[in-house]
């Protein structure tokens, strides 16, 4: 695991490389505004980051309504068991995720279909703000190359510790390197924000997809502009590339319409930008994933500058976040029927939210 003190020292030193603009751009602004623990001092604090998605709603809407195949159930149970083992061994606490791992399935479905259609089943994926890091685990374990960057110290420490525990030898950690690697040599490459801030041309990463989950509207407007400009450079090439996101997160620094307009300002075309009025659990369960193509890319001509696209272009037909992954058995079950998680290892805050009267706590397999 990364030494926390050493990380803090190098981060303070690296901040001196930039002016206020970059330091503002890469600050975890929404977390600080809302009191989320964006920094830690001790590894014992790590288990609190096990579950971070849809806390107020609780796990039950996902567990009861989302349908999965047995292959997807195996993927979820594998990730959840790995996290439980990590928390127990590294931190002495038996806690496993529920909704935070399940919410990654729609993106995994989309990326798998995109890979199968255009990239012989394997992608180079850059994720922005991976949070608990479960999508990265799923992608890396499926054989994809995965790059992740996060400006939040607490999450960065968690990601490094979890990934190195689950996939030893498959993680390239670059926080203490002078510069990021020019090529991707392992399944996971972990990039601190100060390296990401200096990326331009010259990195032979051949990124196929830039992806985020509930992040974009939580970031500073400077970062949004930097990301859209940089992604245009990283997604160059003669094969289909895409900028993909599943939700924009807490709308503290814009909303989906703002993100859409900014993408258009930077020359992107929408390949799939679903109606902006779909909200709440209905949108999350149906995962109306937004897909954009940067100018100069192969897919750009298939998109448009419309604010809503209800129909995928022909080139993307059949690539959907709503079709479960299958190994031949297409039988689907609710997640709650197939999840191997006992109530005694569920995230403790669910009892807190039950006390508040928002949702019931997890009670085990249905």
Protein backbone atom coordinates (compact mmCIF):
# COMPACT_ATOMS: atom_id res chain seq x y z
CA UNK A 1 0.00 0.00 0.00
CA UNK A 2 1.02 3.60 -0.57
CA UNK A 3 2.56 5.23 2.47
CA UNK A 4 0.05 7.96 3.34
CA UNK A 5 2.61 10.39 4.73
CA UNK A 6 4.87 9.94 1.72
CA UNK A 7 1.92 10.58 -0.62
CA UNK A 8 1.02 13.77 1.24
CA UNK A 9 4.61 15.00 1.05
CA UNK A 10 4.91 14.42 -2.70
CA UNK A 11 1.49 15.98 -3.33
CA UNK A 12 2.45 19.16 -1.46
CA UNK A 13 5.69 19.30 -3.41
CA UNK A 14 3.92 18.75 -6.74
CA UNK A 15 1.42 21.53 -6.03
CA UNK A 16 4.34 23.95 -6.30
CA UNK A 17 4.68 23.00 -9.98
CA UNK A 18 1.40 24.78 -10.75
CA UNK A 19 -0.37 28.07 -10.24
CA UNK A 20 -3.74 28.65 -8.63
CA UNK A 21 -5.66 27.72 -11.78
CA UNK A 22 -4.45 24.13 -11.91
CA UNK A 23 -4.68 23.71 -8.15
CA UNK A 24 -8.29 24.92 -8.29
CA UNK A 25 -9.07 22.65 -11.23
CA UNK A 26 -7.86 19.54 -9.44
CA UNK A 27 -9.36 20.22 -6.02
CA UNK A 28 -12.14 17.83 -4.87
CA UNK A 29 -14.51 20.79 -4.62
CA UNK A 30 -17.82 18.99 -4.14
CA UNK A 31 -16.49 16.63 -1.48
CA UNK A 32 -15.17 19.58 0.50
CA UNK A 33 -18.40 21.52 0.13
CA UNK A 34 -20.44 18.56 1.39
CA UNK A 35 -18.17 17.35 4.17
CA UNK A 36 -17.14 14.09 2.49
CA UNK A 37 -13.83 12.81 3.97
CA UNK A 38 -11.48 13.68 1.12
CA UNK A 39 -8.32 13.00 3.17
CA UNK A 40 -7.24 10.29 5.60
CA UNK A 41 -4.30 9.88 7.98
CA UNK A 42 -4.56 6.18 8.81
CA UNK A 43 -5.27 2.96 6.90
CA UNK A 44 -7.92 2.15 9.50
CA UNK A 45 -10.07 4.83 7.86
CA UNK A 46 -10.20 3.02 4.51
CA UNK A 47 -13.28 0.78 5.00
CA UNK A 48 -15.59 3.81 5.05
CA UNK A 49 -15.01 4.09 1.28
CA UNK A 50 -16.41 0.62 0.61
CA UNK A 51 -19.85 1.99 -0.24
CA UNK A 52 -20.41 5.45 -1.67
CA UNK A 53 -23.06 5.24 -4.40
CA UNK A 54 -26.76 5.90 -3.68
CA UNK A 55 -26.34 5.84 0.08
CA UNK A 56 -29.50 7.81 0.78
CA UNK A 57 -31.57 5.43 -1.37
CA UNK A 58 -30.02 2.40 0.30
CA UNK A 59 -29.22 -0.86 -1.48
CA UNK A 60 -32.72 -2.30 -1.70
CA UNK A 61 -34.01 -0.49 -4.84
CA UNK A 62 -31.04 -1.87 -6.76
CA UNK A 63 -31.20 -5.33 -5.25
CA UNK A 64 -34.90 -5.72 -5.94
CA UNK A 65 -35.25 -4.05 -9.35
CA UNK A 66 -32.04 -4.60 -11.32
CA UNK A 67 -31.88 -7.86 -13.26
CA UNK A 68 -28.64 -9.77 -13.81
CA UNK A 69 -27.47 -13.03 -15.33
CA UNK A 70 -25.57 -15.62 -13.35
CA UNK A 71 -22.37 -14.47 -15.11
CA UNK A 72 -22.93 -10.94 -13.81
CA UNK A 73 -23.81 -12.30 -10.38
CA UNK A 74 -20.47 -14.13 -10.37
CA UNK A 75 -18.66 -10.89 -11.31
CA UNK A 76 -20.39 -9.00 -8.50
CA UNK A 77 -19.86 -11.72 -5.92
CA UNK A 78 -16.18 -11.94 -6.88
CA UNK A 79 -15.64 -8.19 -6.45
CA UNK A 80 -17.64 -8.03 -3.23
CA UNK A 81 -15.75 -10.99 -1.74
CA UNK A 82 -12.42 -9.41 -2.72
CA UNK A 83 -13.35 -6.14 -1.01
CA UNK A 84 -14.55 -8.00 2.09
CA UNK A 85 -11.24 -9.87 2.22
CA UNK A 86 -9.26 -6.65 1.75
CA UNK A 87 -11.11 -4.83 4.52
CA UNK A 88 -10.71 -7.77 6.89
CA UNK A 89 -7.01 -8.38 6.22
CA UNK A 90 -5.78 -4.82 5.80
CA UNK A 91 -8.07 -2.94 8.16
CA UNK A 92 -9.57 -5.50 10.52
CA UNK A 93 -13.18 -4.78 9.51
CA UNK A 94 -15.57 -7.12 7.70
CA UNK A 95 -17.45 -4.81 5.30
CA UNK A 96 -18.57 -5.58 1.74
CA UNK A 97 -20.16 -3.34 -0.91
CA UNK A 98 -23.70 -3.69 -2.22
CA UNK A 99 -25.00 -0.93 -4.49
CA UNK A 100 -21.58 0.63 -5.25
CA UNK A 101 -20.47 -2.49 -7.09
CA UNK A 102 -23.87 -3.18 -8.66
CA UNK A 103 -24.05 0.33 -10.13
CA UNK A 104 -20.97 -0.43 -12.25
CA UNK A 105 -22.71 -3.18 -14.24
CA UNK A 106 -24.38 -0.92 -16.85
CA UNK A 107 -21.03 0.66 -17.76
CA UNK A 108 -19.39 -2.77 -17.81
CA UNK A 109 -22.09 -3.99 -20.19
CA UNK A 110 -21.68 -1.02 -22.50
CA UNK A 111 -17.88 -1.18 -22.54
CA UNK A 112 -17.91 -4.94 -23.13
CA UNK A 113 -20.25 -4.55 -26.10
CA UNK A 114 -18.17 -1.64 -27.44
CA UNK A 115 -15.01 -3.72 -27.14
CA UNK A 116 -16.57 -6.71 -28.86
CA UNK A 117 -17.91 -4.59 -31.73
CA UNK A 118 -14.87 -2.44 -32.47
CA UNK A 119 -11.76 -3.63 -30.60
CA UNK A 120 -11.58 -7.43 -30.71
CA UNK A 121 -12.86 -7.68 -27.16
CA UNK A 122 -10.14 -5.62 -25.47
CA UNK A 123 -10.07 -1.92 -24.60
CA UNK A 124 -7.68 0.65 -23.22
CA UNK A 125 -9.91 2.60 -20.81
CA UNK A 126 -9.19 5.81 -18.91
CA UNK A 127 -11.52 6.38 -15.95
CA UNK A 128 -11.88 9.79 -14.36
CA UNK A 129 -12.55 9.72 -10.62
CA UNK A 130 -13.02 5.98 -10.10
CA UNK A 131 -14.09 6.34 -6.47
CA UNK A 132 -14.17 2.90 -4.89
CA UNK A 133 -12.51 1.46 -8.01
CA UNK A 134 -14.91 -1.40 -8.70
CA UNK A 135 -15.33 -0.73 -12.42
CA UNK A 136 -11.55 -0.81 -12.78
CA UNK A 137 -11.38 -4.17 -11.03
CA UNK A 138 -14.07 -5.61 -13.29
CA UNK A 139 -12.36 -4.32 -16.44
CA UNK A 140 -8.86 -5.39 -15.43
CA UNK A 141 -10.01 -8.86 -14.41
CA UNK A 142 -11.73 -9.17 -17.80
CA UNK A 143 -8.40 -8.49 -19.55
CA UNK A 144 -8.75 -4.82 -20.48
CA UNK A 145 -6.04 -2.21 -19.93
CA UNK A 146 -7.23 0.35 -17.43
CA UNK A 147 -5.87 3.77 -16.44
CA UNK A 148 -7.33 5.68 -13.50
CA UNK A 149 -6.80 9.16 -12.12
CA UNK A 150 -8.29 10.69 -8.98
CA UNK A 151 -7.67 14.04 -7.28
CA UNK A 152 -9.13 12.92 -3.93
CA UNK A 153 -6.38 11.72 -1.58
CA UNK A 154 -8.64 9.38 0.42
CA UNK A 155 -9.98 7.62 -2.65
CA UNK A 156 -6.52 7.45 -4.25
CA UNK A 157 -5.10 5.67 -1.20
CA UNK A 158 -8.09 3.29 -1.14
CA UNK A 159 -7.78 2.50 -4.85
CA UNK A 160 -4.08 1.70 -4.62
CA UNK A 161 -4.51 -0.49 -1.56
CA UNK A 162 -7.50 -2.40 -2.93
CA UNK A 163 -6.13 -2.99 -6.43
CA UNK A 164 -2.72 -4.13 -5.23
CA UNK A 165 -4.38 -6.48 -2.75
CA UNK A 166 -6.71 -8.04 -5.33
CA UNK A 167 -4.36 -8.00 -8.36
CA UNK A 168 -0.76 -8.09 -7.07
CA UNK A 169 1.76 -7.51 -9.83
CA UNK A 170 -0.87 -6.12 -12.20
CA UNK A 171 -0.82 -2.52 -10.93
CA UNK A 172 1.59 0.23 -12.00
CA UNK A 173 1.55 2.93 -9.32
CA UNK A 174 3.01 6.22 -10.58
CA UNK A 175 2.51 8.60 -7.64
CA UNK A 176 6.21 8.56 -6.77
CA UNK A 177 7.52 8.54 -10.35
CA UNK A 178 8.91 11.64 -12.01
CA UNK A 179 6.47 11.26 -14.90
CA UNK A 180 3.72 8.88 -16.05
CA UNK A 181 4.68 5.90 -18.20
CA UNK A 182 4.68 6.50 -21.94
CA UNK A 183 3.16 3.05 -22.55
CA UNK A 184 0.74 0.86 -20.61
CA UNK A 185 2.52 -2.26 -19.36
CA UNK A 186 0.12 -3.68 -16.75
CA UNK A 187 -3.63 -4.15 -16.53
CA UNK A 188 -4.00 -1.19 -14.13
CA UNK A 189 -2.07 2.09 -14.29
CA UNK A 190 -2.72 4.48 -11.40
CA UNK A 191 -2.13 8.15 -12.15
CA UNK A 192 -2.10 10.96 -9.54
CA UNK A 193 -3.69 14.24 -10.51
CA UNK A 194 -0.37 16.08 -10.90
CA UNK A 195 0.72 13.69 -13.65
CA UNK A 196 -2.70 13.87 -15.30
CA UNK A 197 -2.52 17.68 -15.26
CA UNK A 198 0.63 17.56 -17.40
CA UNK A 199 -0.60 15.10 -20.01
CA UNK A 200 -0.55 16.35 -23.56
CA UNK A 201 0.73 14.48 -26.62
CA UNK A 202 3.50 11.92 -26.56
CA UNK A 203 1.84 9.19 -24.52
CA UNK A 204 1.34 6.05 -26.57
CA UNK A 205 -1.60 4.82 -24.52
CA UNK A 206 -3.99 4.36 -27.45
CA UNK A 207 -6.99 5.10 -25.22
CA UNK A 208 -10.23 3.77 -26.70
CA UNK A 209 -12.72 5.10 -24.16
CA UNK A 210 -12.65 7.84 -21.53
CA UNK A 211 -15.28 6.99 -18.94
CA UNK A 212 -16.72 8.39 -15.72
CA UNK A 213 -19.50 7.50 -13.32
CA UNK A 214 -21.33 10.31 -11.48
CA UNK A 215 -18.32 12.66 -11.56
CA UNK A 216 -18.39 15.45 -14.15
CA UNK A 217 -20.75 17.94 -12.49
CA UNK A 218 -18.91 17.50 -9.19
CA UNK A 219 -15.67 18.91 -10.62
CA UNK A 220 -14.44 22.47 -11.02
CA UNK A 221 -15.31 24.11 -14.34
CA UNK A 222 -11.58 24.45 -15.09
CA UNK A 223 -11.23 20.68 -14.80
CA UNK A 224 -14.22 20.03 -17.03
CA UNK A 225 -12.67 22.11 -19.79
CA UNK A 226 -9.25 20.54 -19.32
CA UNK A 227 -10.72 17.04 -19.45
CA UNK A 228 -12.71 17.62 -22.63
CA UNK A 229 -9.71 19.16 -24.39
CA UNK A 230 -7.30 16.45 -23.24
CA UNK A 231 -9.71 13.64 -24.09
CA UNK A 232 -9.85 14.90 -27.66
CA UNK A 233 -6.08 14.36 -27.86
CA UNK A 234 -6.11 10.98 -26.11
CA UNK A 235 -8.94 9.60 -28.26
CA UNK A 236 -7.26 10.17 -31.60
CA UNK A 237 -6.84 7.19 -33.90
CA UNK A 238 -8.33 5.33 -36.82
CA UNK A 239 -10.61 3.07 -34.74
CA UNK A 240 -13.89 3.97 -33.00
CA UNK A 241 -13.24 5.92 -29.78
CA UNK A 242 -15.72 7.46 -27.35
CA UNK A 243 -16.19 9.71 -24.32
CA UNK A 244 -18.71 7.94 -22.09
CA UNK A 245 -20.37 8.81 -18.80
CA UNK A 246 -23.11 7.32 -16.64
CA UNK A 247 -24.61 10.27 -14.79
CA UNK A 248 -22.86 13.51 -13.83
CA UNK A 249 -23.01 13.16 -10.04
CA UNK A 250 -24.19 15.78 -7.58
CA UNK A 251 -25.01 18.82 -9.69
CA UNK A 252 -22.96 21.27 -7.65
CA UNK A 253 -20.92 22.55 -10.60
CA UNK A 254 -23.37 22.21 -13.47
CA UNK A 255 -25.96 19.70 -14.68
CA UNK A 256 -26.29 17.32 -17.61
CA UNK A 257 -27.39 20.12 -19.92
CA UNK A 258 -24.37 22.22 -18.93
CA UNK A 259 -22.03 19.28 -19.52
CA UNK A 260 -23.65 18.62 -22.89
CA UNK A 261 -23.28 22.23 -24.02
CA UNK A 262 -19.66 22.34 -22.91
CA UNK A 263 -18.89 19.15 -24.82
CA UNK A 264 -20.45 20.71 -27.93
CA UNK A 265 -18.36 23.85 -27.37
CA UNK A 266 -15.27 21.64 -27.52
CA UNK A 267 -16.39 20.08 -30.79
CA UNK A 268 -17.84 16.79 -29.56
CA UNK A 269 -20.87 15.20 -31.21
CA UNK A 270 -23.50 13.30 -29.25
CA UNK A 271 -23.90 9.65 -30.20
CA UNK A 272 -26.31 8.95 -27.35
CA UNK A 273 -27.48 11.83 -25.15
CA UNK A 274 -30.78 10.65 -23.66
CA UNK A 275 -33.58 12.98 -22.65
CA UNK A 276 -32.58 15.28 -19.85
CA UNK A 277 -35.82 14.86 -17.92
CA UNK A 278 -35.31 11.23 -16.87
CA UNK A 279 -34.49 11.27 -13.18
CA UNK A 280 -34.00 9.22 -10.07
CA UNK A 281 -34.11 5.46 -9.83
CA UNK A 282 -35.73 5.04 -13.25
CA UNK A 283 -32.74 6.66 -14.94
CA UNK A 284 -30.23 4.79 -12.78
CA UNK A 285 -31.82 1.40 -13.36
CA UNK A 286 -32.11 1.97 -17.10
CA UNK A 287 -28.69 3.63 -17.19
CA UNK A 288 -29.18 5.94 -20.11
CA UNK A 289 -25.46 6.24 -20.72
CA UNK A 290 -24.21 9.33 -22.55
CA UNK A 291 -21.80 8.70 -25.42
CA UNK A 292 -19.88 11.39 -27.29
CA UNK A 293 -17.27 11.43 -30.05
CA UNK A 294 -14.53 14.10 -30.19
CA UNK A 295 -13.96 15.98 -33.41
CA UNK A 296 -11.56 14.26 -35.75
CA UNK A 297 -12.52 10.81 -34.48
CA UNK A 298 -14.07 8.06 -36.58
CA UNK A 299 -17.44 8.18 -34.80
CA UNK A 300 -17.77 11.98 -34.92
CA UNK A 301 -19.57 11.95 -38.28
CA UNK A 302 -22.18 9.56 -36.87
CA UNK A 303 -23.16 11.94 -34.06
CA UNK A 304 -24.92 15.27 -33.90
CA UNK A 305 -25.09 18.51 -31.95
CA UNK A 306 -28.66 17.81 -30.82
CA UNK A 307 -29.28 18.11 -27.10
CA UNK A 308 -31.29 14.88 -27.14
CA UNK A 309 -30.79 11.71 -29.14
CA UNK A 310 -33.41 9.06 -28.61
CA UNK A 311 -31.95 6.64 -31.13
CA UNK A 312 -28.41 5.39 -31.39
CA UNK A 313 -26.74 5.84 -34.78
CA UNK A 314 -26.64 2.66 -36.83
CA UNK A 315 -22.97 2.07 -36.07
CA UNK A 316 -23.79 1.72 -32.35
CA UNK A 317 -27.01 -0.27 -32.63
CA UNK A 318 -27.00 -3.18 -30.19
CA UNK A 319 -24.39 -1.63 -27.90
CA UNK A 320 -26.45 -1.07 -24.79
CA UNK A 321 -26.01 -0.85 -21.02
CA UNK A 322 -29.31 -2.66 -20.52
CA UNK A 323 -28.45 -6.04 -22.07
CA UNK A 324 -26.94 -8.30 -19.38
CA UNK A 325 -23.65 -10.06 -20.02
CA UNK A 326 -24.09 -13.76 -20.65
CA UNK A 327 -21.96 -16.86 -21.08
CA UNK A 328 -24.84 -18.69 -22.76
CA UNK A 329 -27.32 -18.71 -19.90
CA UNK A 330 -29.56 -15.68 -20.40
CA UNK A 331 -31.72 -16.38 -17.34
CA UNK A 332 -32.00 -13.21 -15.26
CA UNK A 333 -32.55 -12.73 -11.55
CA UNK A 334 -32.83 -9.75 -9.26
CA UNK A 335 -29.48 -8.94 -7.70
CA UNK A 336 -30.95 -9.56 -4.27
CA UNK A 337 -31.63 -13.19 -5.23
CA UNK A 338 -28.04 -14.00 -6.18
CA UNK A 339 -25.86 -11.78 -3.99
CA UNK A 340 -23.70 -13.66 -1.49
CA UNK A 341 -23.55 -10.95 1.18
CA UNK A 342 -24.67 -11.48 4.76
CA UNK A 343 -26.36 -8.57 6.55
CA UNK A 344 -23.62 -8.53 9.20
CA UNK A 345 -21.02 -7.37 6.65
CA UNK A 346 -23.21 -4.73 4.98
CA UNK A 347 -22.14 -1.09 5.13
CA UNK A 348 -22.93 0.20 8.64
CA UNK A 349 -24.34 3.53 7.47
CA UNK A 350 -27.41 1.75 6.09
CA UNK A 351 -28.61 1.39 9.67
CA UNK A 352 -28.05 5.13 10.11
CA UNK A 353 -30.20 5.95 7.09
CA UNK A 354 -32.84 3.50 8.26
CA UNK A 355 -32.96 5.45 11.53
CA UNK A 356 -33.43 8.66 9.53
CA UNK A 357 -36.44 7.02 7.91
CA UNK A 358 -35.17 7.26 4.33
CA UNK A 359 -34.81 3.57 3.48
CA UNK A 360 -34.69 0.18 5.15
CA UNK A 361 -31.34 -1.45 5.85
CA UNK A 362 -30.10 -4.49 3.95
CA UNK A 363 -31.65 -7.68 5.29
CA UNK A 364 -29.94 -10.34 3.20
CA UNK A 365 -30.72 -12.41 0.12
CA UNK A 366 -34.38 -12.31 -0.89
